[in-house]
Amino acid sequence: MSSVKIEVFLSTSNNANDVCLARLLEEIKSEFGDDVEISTHNEQNELFSAYGLAATPAVVIDEMIKITGFCPSKETLVAAFKESGLE
């Protein structure tokens, strides 16, 4: 199985939701290892605009916007990964 591609967009202000999501993603990466490919963007960029995102934090999994504007629970994030094929 190929890895699940995850694009994460965080603000540069380090607000509570962004910090929460960054910590959660570290936990996810240590748990799932090479099964997840996480790219973190710490500012709004062309990709942020291309997805039509309006708020951070935002999580895009395999080019589908899954979460925007809040830090999800670990269970919610793992469920989103599994919807995208992570076993």
PDB file of N, CA and C in Angstrom:
ATOM      1  N   MET A   1       0.839  -1.177   0.000  1.00  0.00           N
ATOM      2  CA  MET A   1       0.000   0.000   0.000  1.00  0.00           C
ATOM      3  C   MET A   1       0.885   1.242   0.000  1.00  0.00           C
ATOM      4  N   SER A   2       0.499   2.250  -0.768  1.00  0.00           N
ATOM      5  CA  SER A   2       1.246   3.503  -0.772  1.00  0.00           C
ATOM      6  C   SER A   2       0.821   4.351   0.425  1.00  0.00           C
ATOM      7  N   SER A   3       1.629   5.332   0.739  1.00  0.00           N
ATOM      8  CA  SER A   3       1.335   6.165   1.897  1.00  0.00           C
ATOM      9  C   SER A   3       0.199   7.139   1.590  1.00  0.00           C
ATOM     10  N   VAL A   4      -0.456   7.591   2.652  1.00  0.00           N
ATOM     11  CA  VAL A   4      -1.512   8.584   2.541  1.00  0.00           C
ATOM     12  C   VAL A   4      -0.844   9.953   2.581  1.00  0.00           C
ATOM     13  N   LYS A   5      -1.130  10.788   1.583  1.00  0.00           N
ATOM     14  CA  LYS A   5      -0.526  12.115   1.494  1.00  0.00           C
ATOM     15  C   LYS A   5      -1.381  13.117   2.267  1.00  0.00           C
ATOM     16  N   ILE A   6      -0.746  13.801   3.211  1.00  0.00           N
ATOM     17  CA  ILE A   6      -1.448  14.747   4.074  1.00  0.00           C
ATOM     18  C   ILE A   6      -0.797  16.115   3.941  1.00  0.00           C
ATOM     19  N   GLU A   7      -1.592  17.112   3.579  1.00  0.00           N
ATOM     20  CA  GLU A   7      -1.124  18.496   3.515  1.00  0.00           C
ATOM     21  C   GLU A   7      -1.739  19.214   4.714  1.00  0.00           C
ATOM     22  N   VAL A   8      -0.904  19.848   5.519  1.00  0.00           N
ATOM     23  CA  VAL A   8      -1.365  20.545   6.715  1.00  0.00           C
ATOM     24  C   VAL A   8      -1.011  22.016   6.575  1.00  0.00           C
ATOM     25  N   PHE A   9      -1.989  22.876   6.829  1.00  0.00           N
ATOM     26  CA  PHE A   9      -1.782  24.314   6.748  1.00  0.00           C
ATOM     27  C   PHE A   9      -1.986  24.919   8.132  1.00  0.00           C
ATOM     28  N   LEU A  10      -0.942  25.589   8.629  1.00  0.00           N
ATOM     29  CA  LEU A  10      -0.972  26.228   9.939  1.00  0.00           C
ATOM     30  C   LEU A  10      -0.707  27.718   9.761  1.00  0.00           C
ATOM     31  N   SER A  11      -1.203  28.519  10.698  1.00  0.00           N
ATOM     32  CA  SER A  11      -0.916  29.950  10.639  1.00  0.00           C
ATOM     33  C   SER A  11       0.478  30.201  11.193  1.00  0.00           C
ATOM     34  N   THR A  12       0.961  31.396  10.998  1.00  0.00           N
ATOM     35  CA  THR A  12       2.268  31.752  11.537  1.00  0.00           C
ATOM     36  C   THR A  12       2.159  32.281  12.964  1.00  0.00           C
ATOM     37  N   SER A  13       0.932  32.443  13.467  1.00  0.00           N
ATOM     38  CA  SER A  13       0.739  33.027  14.795  1.00  0.00           C
ATOM     39  C   SER A  13       0.783  32.010  15.929  1.00  0.00           C
ATOM     40  N   ASN A  14       0.869  30.717  15.592  1.00  0.00           N
ATOM     41  CA  ASN A  14       0.899  29.662  16.616  1.00  0.00           C
ATOM     42  C   ASN A  14      -0.268  29.753  17.590  1.00  0.00           C
ATOM     43  N   ASN A  15      -1.483  29.877  17.058  1.00  0.00           N
ATOM     44  CA  ASN A  15      -2.649  29.881  17.943  1.00  0.00           C
ATOM     45  C   ASN A  15      -2.885  28.483  18.505  1.00  0.00           C
ATOM     46  N   ALA A  16      -3.759  28.375  19.467  1.00  0.00           N
ATOM     47  CA  ALA A  16      -3.967  27.112  20.192  1.00  0.00           C
ATOM     48  C   ALA A  16      -4.349  25.957  19.267  1.00  0.00           C
ATOM     49  N   ASN A  17      -5.201  26.198  18.282  1.00  0.00           N
ATOM     50  CA  ASN A  17      -5.597  25.125  17.365  1.00  0.00           C
ATOM     51  C   ASN A  17      -4.424  24.630  16.532  1.00  0.00           C
ATOM     52  N   ASP A  18      -3.595  25.548  16.088  1.00  0.00           N
ATOM     53  CA  ASP A  18      -2.428  25.163  15.287  1.00  0.00           C
ATOM     54  C   ASP A  18      -1.428  24.353  16.118  1.00  0.00           C
ATOM     55  N   VAL A  19      -1.174  24.803  17.336  1.00  0.00           N
ATOM     56  CA  VAL A  19      -0.247  24.085  18.222  1.00  0.00           C
ATOM     57  C   VAL A  19      -0.789  22.696  18.534  1.00  0.00           C
ATOM     58  N   CYS A  20      -2.081  22.609  18.810  1.00  0.00           N
ATOM     59  CA  CYS A  20      -2.736  21.323  19.104  1.00  0.00           C
ATOM     60  C   CYS A  20      -2.583  20.365  17.920  1.00  0.00           C
ATOM     61  N   LEU A  21      -2.850  20.856  16.708  1.00  0.00           N
ATOM     62  CA  LEU A  21      -2.767  19.998  15.523  1.00  0.00           C
ATOM     63  C   LEU A  21      -1.325  19.576  15.251  1.00  0.00           C
ATOM     64  N   ALA A  22      -0.380  20.479  15.415  1.00  0.00           N
ATOM     65  CA  ALA A  22       1.032  20.127  15.197  1.00  0.00           C
ATOM     66  C   ALA A  22       1.460  19.005  16.141  1.00  0.00           C
ATOM     67  N   ARG A  23       1.059  19.085  17.397  1.00  0.00           N
ATOM     68  CA  ARG A  23       1.398  18.033  18.365  1.00  0.00           C
ATOM     69  C   ARG A  23       0.708  16.721  18.011  1.00  0.00           C
ATOM     70  N   LEU A  24      -0.534  16.814  17.606  1.00  0.00           N
ATOM     71  CA  LEU A  24      -1.284  15.624  17.228  1.00  0.00           C
ATOM     72  C   LEU A  24      -0.655  14.945  16.017  1.00  0.00           C
ATOM     73  N   LEU A  25      -0.196  15.717  15.061  1.00  0.00           N
ATOM     74  CA  LEU A  25       0.437  15.144  13.873  1.00  0.00           C
ATOM     75  C   LEU A  25       1.770  14.475  14.194  1.00  0.00           C
ATOM     76  N   GLU A  26       2.502  15.004  15.167  1.00  0.00           N
ATOM     77  CA  GLU A  26       3.736  14.335  15.608  1.00  0.00           C
ATOM     78  C   GLU A  26       3.409  12.957  16.170  1.00  0.00           C
ATOM     79  N   GLU A  27       2.341  12.889  16.942  1.00  0.00           N
ATOM     80  CA  GLU A  27       1.895  11.616  17.519  1.00  0.00           C
ATOM     81  C   GLU A  27       1.465  10.648  16.411  1.00  0.00           C
ATOM     82  N   ILE A  28       0.715  11.160  15.446  1.00  0.00           N
ATOM     83  CA  ILE A  28       0.241  10.344  14.323  1.00  0.00           C
ATOM     84  C   ILE A  28       1.435   9.814  13.522  1.00  0.00           C
ATOM     85  N   LYS A  29       2.410  10.678  13.257  1.00  0.00           N
ATOM     86  CA  LYS A  29       3.585  10.274  12.473  1.00  0.00           C
ATOM     87  C   LYS A  29       4.356   9.175  13.193  1.00  0.00           C
ATOM     88  N   SER A  30       4.495   9.307  14.516  1.00  0.00           N
ATOM     89  CA  SER A  30       5.238   8.266  15.240  1.00  0.00           C
ATOM     90  C   SER A  30       4.455   6.957  15.276  1.00  0.00           C
ATOM     91  N   GLU A  31       3.152   7.035  15.251  1.00  0.00           N
ATOM     92  CA  GLU A  31       2.316   5.835  15.293  1.00  0.00           C
ATOM     93  C   GLU A  31       2.223   5.139  13.930  1.00  0.00           C
ATOM     94  N   PHE A  32       2.073   5.918  12.846  1.00  0.00           N
ATOM     95  CA  PHE A  32       1.844   5.342  11.524  1.00  0.00           C
ATOM     96  C   PHE A  32       3.090   5.321  10.647  1.00  0.00           C
ATOM     97  N   GLY A  33       4.136   6.023  11.045  1.00  0.00           N
ATOM     98  CA  GLY A  33       5.409   5.980  10.324  1.00  0.00           C
ATOM     99  C   GLY A  33       5.304   6.309   8.851  1.00  0.00           C
ATOM    100  N   ASP A  34       5.834   5.424   8.021  1.00  0.00           N
ATOM    101  CA  ASP A  34       5.890   5.660   6.578  1.00  0.00           C
ATOM    102  C   ASP A  34       4.551   5.493   5.876  1.00  0.00           C
ATOM    103  N   ASP A  35       3.513   5.098   6.608  1.00  0.00           N
ATOM    104  CA  ASP A  35       2.187   4.976   6.002  1.00  0.00           C
ATOM    105  C   ASP A  35       1.545   6.339   5.762  1.00  0.00           C
ATOM    106  N   VAL A  36       2.103   7.388   6.387  1.00  0.00           N
ATOM    107  CA  VAL A  36       1.607   8.740   6.176  1.00  0.00           C
ATOM    108  C   VAL A  36       2.752   9.635   5.698  1.00  0.00           C
ATOM    109  N   GLU A  37       2.457  10.478   4.754  1.00  0.00           N
ATOM    110  CA  GLU A  37       3.412  11.459   4.224  1.00  0.00           C
ATOM    111  C   GLU A  37       2.849  12.834   4.546  1.00  0.00           C
ATOM    112  N   ILE A  38       3.400  13.483   5.555  1.00  0.00           N
ATOM    113  CA  ILE A  38       2.857  14.752   6.039  1.00  0.00           C
ATOM    114  C   ILE A  38       3.720  15.913   5.551  1.00  0.00           C
ATOM    115  N   SER A  39       3.068  16.872   4.873  1.00  0.00           N
ATOM    116  CA  SER A  39       3.724  18.112   4.456  1.00  0.00           C
ATOM    117  C   SER A  39       3.051  19.250   5.215  1.00  0.00           C
ATOM    118  N   THR A  40       3.843  20.023   5.938  1.00  0.00           N
ATOM    119  CA  THR A  40       3.299  21.119   6.730  1.00  0.00           C
ATOM    120  C   THR A  40       3.672  22.453   6.095  1.00  0.00           C
ATOM    121  N   HIS A  41       2.670  23.318   5.985  1.00  0.00           N
ATOM    122  CA  HIS A  41       2.858  24.662   5.432  1.00  0.00           C
ATOM    123  C   HIS A  41       2.520  25.653   6.539  1.00  0.00           C
ATOM    124  N   ASN A  42       3.471  26.515   6.885  1.00  0.00           N
ATOM    125  CA  ASN A  42       3.273  27.445   7.989  1.00  0.00           C
ATOM    126  C   ASN A  42       2.878  28.846   7.539  1.00  0.00           C
ATOM    127  N   GLU A  43       2.362  28.942   6.366  1.00  0.00           N
ATOM    128  CA  GLU A  43       1.862  30.221   5.884  1.00  0.00           C
ATOM    129  C   GLU A  43       0.921  29.949   4.724  1.00  0.00           C
ATOM    130  N   GLN A  44       0.086  30.933   4.427  1.00  0.00           N
ATOM    131  CA  GLN A  44      -0.790  30.776   3.282  1.00  0.00           C
ATOM    132  C   GLN A  44       0.067  30.877   2.031  1.00  0.00           C
ATOM    133  N   ASN A  45      -0.147  29.948   1.106  1.00  0.00           N
ATOM    134  CA  ASN A  45       0.642  29.922  -0.116  1.00  0.00           C
ATOM    135  C   ASN A  45      -0.265  29.608  -1.299  1.00  0.00           C
ATOM    136  N   GLU A  46       0.316  29.351  -2.452  1.00  0.00           N
ATOM    137  CA  GLU A  46      -0.482  29.067  -3.649  1.00  0.00           C
ATOM    138  C   GLU A  46      -1.347  27.822  -3.464  1.00  0.00           C
ATOM    139  N   LEU A  47      -0.826  26.826  -2.782  1.00  0.00           N
ATOM    140  CA  LEU A  47      -1.587  25.601  -2.549  1.00  0.00           C
ATOM    141  C   LEU A  47      -2.785  25.868  -1.645  1.00  0.00           C
ATOM    142  N   PHE A  48      -2.614  26.702  -0.631  1.00  0.00           N
ATOM    143  CA  PHE A  48      -3.704  27.113   0.261  1.00  0.00           C
ATOM    144  C   PHE A  48      -4.823  27.740  -0.570  1.00  0.00           C
ATOM    145  N   SER A  49      -4.440  28.624  -1.474  1.00  0.00           N
ATOM    146  CA  SER A  49      -5.417  29.287  -2.346  1.00  0.00           C
ATOM    147  C   SER A  49      -6.035  28.309  -3.339  1.00  0.00           C
ATOM    148  N   ALA A  50      -5.230  27.409  -3.885  1.00  0.00           N
ATOM    149  CA  ALA A  50      -5.728  26.442  -4.868  1.00  0.00           C
ATOM    150  C   ALA A  50      -6.814  25.545  -4.281  1.00  0.00           C
ATOM    151  N   TYR A  51      -6.666  25.197  -3.015  1.00  0.00           N
ATOM    152  CA  TYR A  51      -7.697  24.388  -2.353  1.00  0.00           C
ATOM    153  C   TYR A  51      -8.904  25.228  -1.944  1.00  0.00           C
ATOM    154  N   GLY A  52      -8.793  26.543  -2.020  1.00  0.00           N
ATOM    155  CA  GLY A  52      -9.892  27.422  -1.638  1.00  0.00           C
ATOM    156  C   GLY A  52     -10.078  27.501  -0.131  1.00  0.00           C
ATOM    157  N   LEU A  53      -9.008  27.296   0.608  1.00  0.00           N
ATOM    158  CA  LEU A  53      -9.091  27.323   2.067  1.00  0.00           C
ATOM    159  C   LEU A  53      -9.227  28.762   2.558  1.00  0.00           C
ATOM    160  N   ALA A  54      -9.948  28.922   3.668  1.00  0.00           N
ATOM    161  CA  ALA A  54     -10.159  30.255   4.227  1.00  0.00           C
ATOM    162  C   ALA A  54      -9.687  30.355   5.663  1.00  0.00           C
ATOM    163  N   ALA A  55      -9.369  29.225   6.284  1.00  0.00           N
ATOM    164  CA  ALA A  55      -8.984  29.243   7.700  1.00  0.00           C
ATOM    165  C   ALA A  55      -7.924  28.182   7.973  1.00  0.00           C
ATOM    166  N   THR A  56      -7.169  28.436   9.025  1.00  0.00           N
ATOM    167  CA  THR A  56      -6.224  27.436   9.520  1.00  0.00           C
ATOM    168  C   THR A  56      -6.648  27.077  10.930  1.00  0.00           C
ATOM    169  N   PRO A  57      -6.259  25.960  11.436  1.00  0.00           N
ATOM    170  CA  PRO A  57      -5.527  24.917  10.721  1.00  0.00           C
ATOM    171  C   PRO A  57      -6.428  24.224   9.703  1.00  0.00           C
ATOM    172  N   ALA A  58      -5.795  23.630   8.732  1.00  0.00           N
ATOM    173  CA  ALA A  58      -6.533  22.883   7.718  1.00  0.00           C
ATOM    174  C   ALA A  58      -5.762  21.609   7.390  1.00  0.00           C
ATOM    175  N   VAL A  59      -6.515  20.538   7.155  1.00  0.00           N
ATOM    176  CA  VAL A  59      -5.920  19.246   6.807  1.00  0.00           C
ATOM    177  C   VAL A  59      -6.538  18.789   5.496  1.00  0.00           C
ATOM    178  N   VAL A  60      -5.675  18.533   4.521  1.00  0.00           N
ATOM    179  CA  VAL A  60      -6.095  18.026   3.216  1.00  0.00           C
ATOM    180  C   VAL A  60      -5.449  16.657   3.067  1.00  0.00           C
ATOM    181  N   ILE A  61      -6.286  15.643   2.829  1.00  0.00           N
ATOM    182  CA  ILE A  61      -5.795  14.275   2.703  1.00  0.00           C
ATOM    183  C   ILE A  61      -6.080  13.791   1.288  1.00  0.00           C
ATOM    184  N   ASP A  62      -5.018  13.403   0.598  1.00  0.00           N
ATOM    185  CA  ASP A  62      -5.126  12.962  -0.795  1.00  0.00           C
ATOM    186  C   ASP A  62      -5.977  13.926  -1.619  1.00  0.00           C
ATOM    187  N   GLU A  63      -5.671  15.222  -1.485  1.00  0.00           N
ATOM    188  CA  GLU A  63      -6.282  16.313  -2.233  1.00  0.00           C
ATOM    189  C   GLU A  63      -7.751  16.557  -1.896  1.00  0.00           C
ATOM    190  N   MET A  64      -8.220  16.034  -0.783  1.00  0.00           N
ATOM    191  CA  MET A  64      -9.591  16.291  -0.327  1.00  0.00           C
ATOM    192  C   MET A  64      -9.531  17.030   1.009  1.00  0.00           C
ATOM    193  N   ILE A  65     -10.214  18.174   1.079  1.00  0.00           N
ATOM    194  CA  ILE A  65     -10.240  18.945   2.320  1.00  0.00           C
ATOM    195  C   ILE A  65     -11.047  18.152   3.345  1.00  0.00           C
ATOM    196  N   LYS A  66     -10.413  17.834   4.470  1.00  0.00           N
ATOM    197  CA  LYS A  66     -11.062  17.034   5.503  1.00  0.00           C
ATOM    198  C   LYS A  66     -11.390  17.852   6.749  1.00  0.00           C
ATOM    199  N   ILE A  67     -10.498  18.778   7.129  1.00  0.00           N
ATOM    200  CA  ILE A  67     -10.679  19.520   8.371  1.00  0.00           C
ATOM    201  C   ILE A  67     -10.209  20.948   8.137  1.00  0.00           C
ATOM    202  N   THR A  68     -10.973  21.906   8.620  1.00  0.00           N
ATOM    203  CA  THR A  68     -10.551  23.299   8.517  1.00  0.00           C
ATOM    204  C   THR A  68     -11.108  24.113   9.676  1.00  0.00           C
ATOM    205  N   GLY A  69     -10.249  24.933  10.256  1.00  0.00           N
ATOM    206  CA  GLY A  69     -10.668  25.873  11.272  1.00  0.00           C
ATOM    207  C   GLY A  69     -10.613  25.411  12.716  1.00  0.00           C
ATOM    208  N   PHE A  70     -10.242  24.145  12.956  1.00  0.00           N
ATOM    209  CA  PHE A  70     -10.171  23.649  14.337  1.00  0.00           C
ATOM    210  C   PHE A  70      -9.217  22.476  14.422  1.00  0.00           C
ATOM    211  N   CYS A  71      -8.820  22.150  15.638  1.00  0.00           N
ATOM    212  CA  CYS A  71      -7.988  20.973  15.870  1.00  0.00           C
ATOM    213  C   CYS A  71      -8.911  19.804  16.195  1.00  0.00           C
ATOM    214  N   PRO A  72      -8.904  18.773  15.384  1.00  0.00           N
ATOM    215  CA  PRO A  72      -9.773  17.624  15.641  1.00  0.00           C
ATOM    216  C   PRO A  72      -9.206  16.739  16.747  1.00  0.00           C
ATOM    217  N   SER A  73     -10.022  15.813  17.201  1.00  0.00           N
ATOM    218  CA  SER A  73      -9.519  14.796  18.124  1.00  0.00           C
ATOM    219  C   SER A  73      -8.663  13.812  17.325  1.00  0.00           C
ATOM    220  N   LYS A  74      -7.860  13.056  18.023  1.00  0.00           N
ATOM    221  CA  LYS A  74      -7.034  12.050  17.359  1.00  0.00           C
ATOM    222  C   LYS A  74      -7.931  11.049  16.630  1.00  0.00           C
ATOM    223  N   GLU A  75      -9.024  10.671  17.253  1.00  0.00           N
ATOM    224  CA  GLU A  75      -9.947   9.701  16.655  1.00  0.00           C
ATOM    225  C   GLU A  75     -10.528  10.227  15.343  1.00  0.00           C
ATOM    226  N   THR A  76     -10.885  11.504  15.310  1.00  0.00           N
ATOM    227  CA  THR A  76     -11.431  12.106  14.095  1.00  0.00           C
ATOM    228  C   THR A  76     -10.387  12.126  12.989  1.00  0.00           C
ATOM    229  N   LEU A  77      -9.164  12.474  13.334  1.00  0.00           N
ATOM    230  CA  LEU A  77      -8.086  12.527  12.356  1.00  0.00           C
ATOM    231  C   LEU A  77      -7.768  11.135  11.807  1.00  0.00           C
ATOM    232  N   VAL A  78      -7.688  10.147  12.675  1.00  0.00           N
ATOM    233  CA  VAL A  78      -7.424   8.769  12.241  1.00  0.00           C
ATOM    234  C   VAL A  78      -8.566   8.266  11.360  1.00  0.00           C
ATOM    235  N   ALA A  79      -9.807   8.601  11.705  1.00  0.00           N
ATOM    236  CA  ALA A  79     -10.959   8.199  10.878  1.00  0.00           C
ATOM    237  C   ALA A  79     -10.856   8.813   9.484  1.00  0.00           C
ATOM    238  N   ALA A  80     -10.420  10.065   9.403  1.00  0.00           N
ATOM    239  CA  ALA A  80     -10.240  10.711   8.099  1.00  0.00           C
ATOM    240  C   ALA A  80      -9.153  10.008   7.291  1.00  0.00           C
ATOM    241  N   PHE A  81      -8.080   9.582   7.953  1.00  0.00           N
ATOM    242  CA  PHE A  81      -7.019   8.837   7.266  1.00  0.00           C
ATOM    243  C   PHE A  81      -7.561   7.521   6.735  1.00  0.00           C
ATOM    244  N   LYS A  82      -8.314   6.832   7.550  1.00  0.00           N
ATOM    245  CA  LYS A  82      -8.844   5.527   7.144  1.00  0.00           C
ATOM    246  C   LYS A  82      -9.814   5.660   5.980  1.00  0.00           C
ATOM    247  N   GLU A  83     -10.573   6.752   5.931  1.00  0.00           N
ATOM    248  CA  GLU A  83     -11.452   7.000   4.785  1.00  0.00           C
ATOM    249  C   GLU A  83     -10.648   7.124   3.499  1.00  0.00           C
ATOM    250  N   SER A  84      -9.404   7.551   3.642  1.00  0.00           N
ATOM    251  CA  SER A  84      -8.520   7.747   2.486  1.00  0.00           C
ATOM    252  C   SER A  84      -7.661   6.523   2.190  1.00  0.00           C
ATOM    253  N   GLY A  85      -7.883   5.426   2.898  1.00  0.00           N
ATOM    254  CA  GLY A  85      -7.191   4.183   2.576  1.00  0.00           C
ATOM    255  C   GLY A  85      -6.140   3.725   3.545  1.00  0.00           C
ATOM    256  N   LEU A  86      -5.896   4.474   4.622  1.00  0.00           N
ATOM    257  CA  LEU A  86      -4.911   4.039   5.618  1.00  0.00           C
ATOM    258  C   LEU A  86      -5.472   2.889   6.414  1.00  0.00           C
ATOM    259  N   GLU A  87      -4.681   1.841   6.575  1.00  0.00           N
ATOM    260  CA  GLU A  87      -5.157   0.673   7.324  1.00  0.00           C
ATOM    261  C   GLU A  87      -4.517   0.603   8.674  1.00  0.00           C
TER     262      GLU A  87
END
